[in-house]
Amino acid sequence: MLPFKTILFATDFSAASNVAFSVASALARDYRARIVAVHVIEPVKAGFAEFTSYIGPEEDKDKAREMLHALKAPGANAAIEYRLVEGDPADVIAVLAKDIGADLIVLGTHGRSGFTRLVMGSVAEEVLRHAPCPVLTVRGSAPIKEEERVDAPEAVAI
C-alpha cells in the first residue's frame, strides 16, 4: 500500500473535476495527506473558423482563483494549498507533481474518444505519459456518495 502524503489535484472546474475532488478529498482524509489543488490557465490560442482567424477567449484569472479557493479541505486535520498557473496543462501538472513531491495525481477526465479526442487531445493522457508518480483519473459527472471514514492501512515495508 502506498502511503499518500501529498496529493496533487488538478481541476478544470468541470463536473468530472468535481467528482475527482471528492475522491482526492476522501483519500486525503483517510491518509491524512495534504492536497495541492492546481488550475492551469492555458495561453490564448489562435484558430480558424470559416476562413477567418480568431483568438480564443482569455480565461478570467480572478474568477479562476475564486473557484479554486472555493475548494475546501476534507476535514479539520487536512491541509489544502492552491496554485493558479499559466501554461500547457499536462506539462504544468507533471512538473508541479515533481516539484512538490506528489505521491499521487488525481484529475477528472471527460472520457472523450474518437475524432474529438484526436482533435482536442487529452490532458489526462498526457499527464499519464509524463507524470513522476501514480495518476488516478476519475470519469463521471455525478458526485460520489459520502461514506464513513475508512481507516487506511499503514504502509508495509517489504
Foldseek 3Di string as FASTA:
>chain_A
DDQFAEEEEEDPPALQSVQLLLVVLLSCVQNVHEYEYEYEFEDWDWDDDPHDIDIDDGDDPVVVVVVQVVRDHNDPSYHYHYYYYYHDLLVVSQVVCVVVVGQEYTYEWAPDDDPVCVVVPGSLVSNCVRHPHYYHYGYDRDHDDDDDRDHDDDDDDD
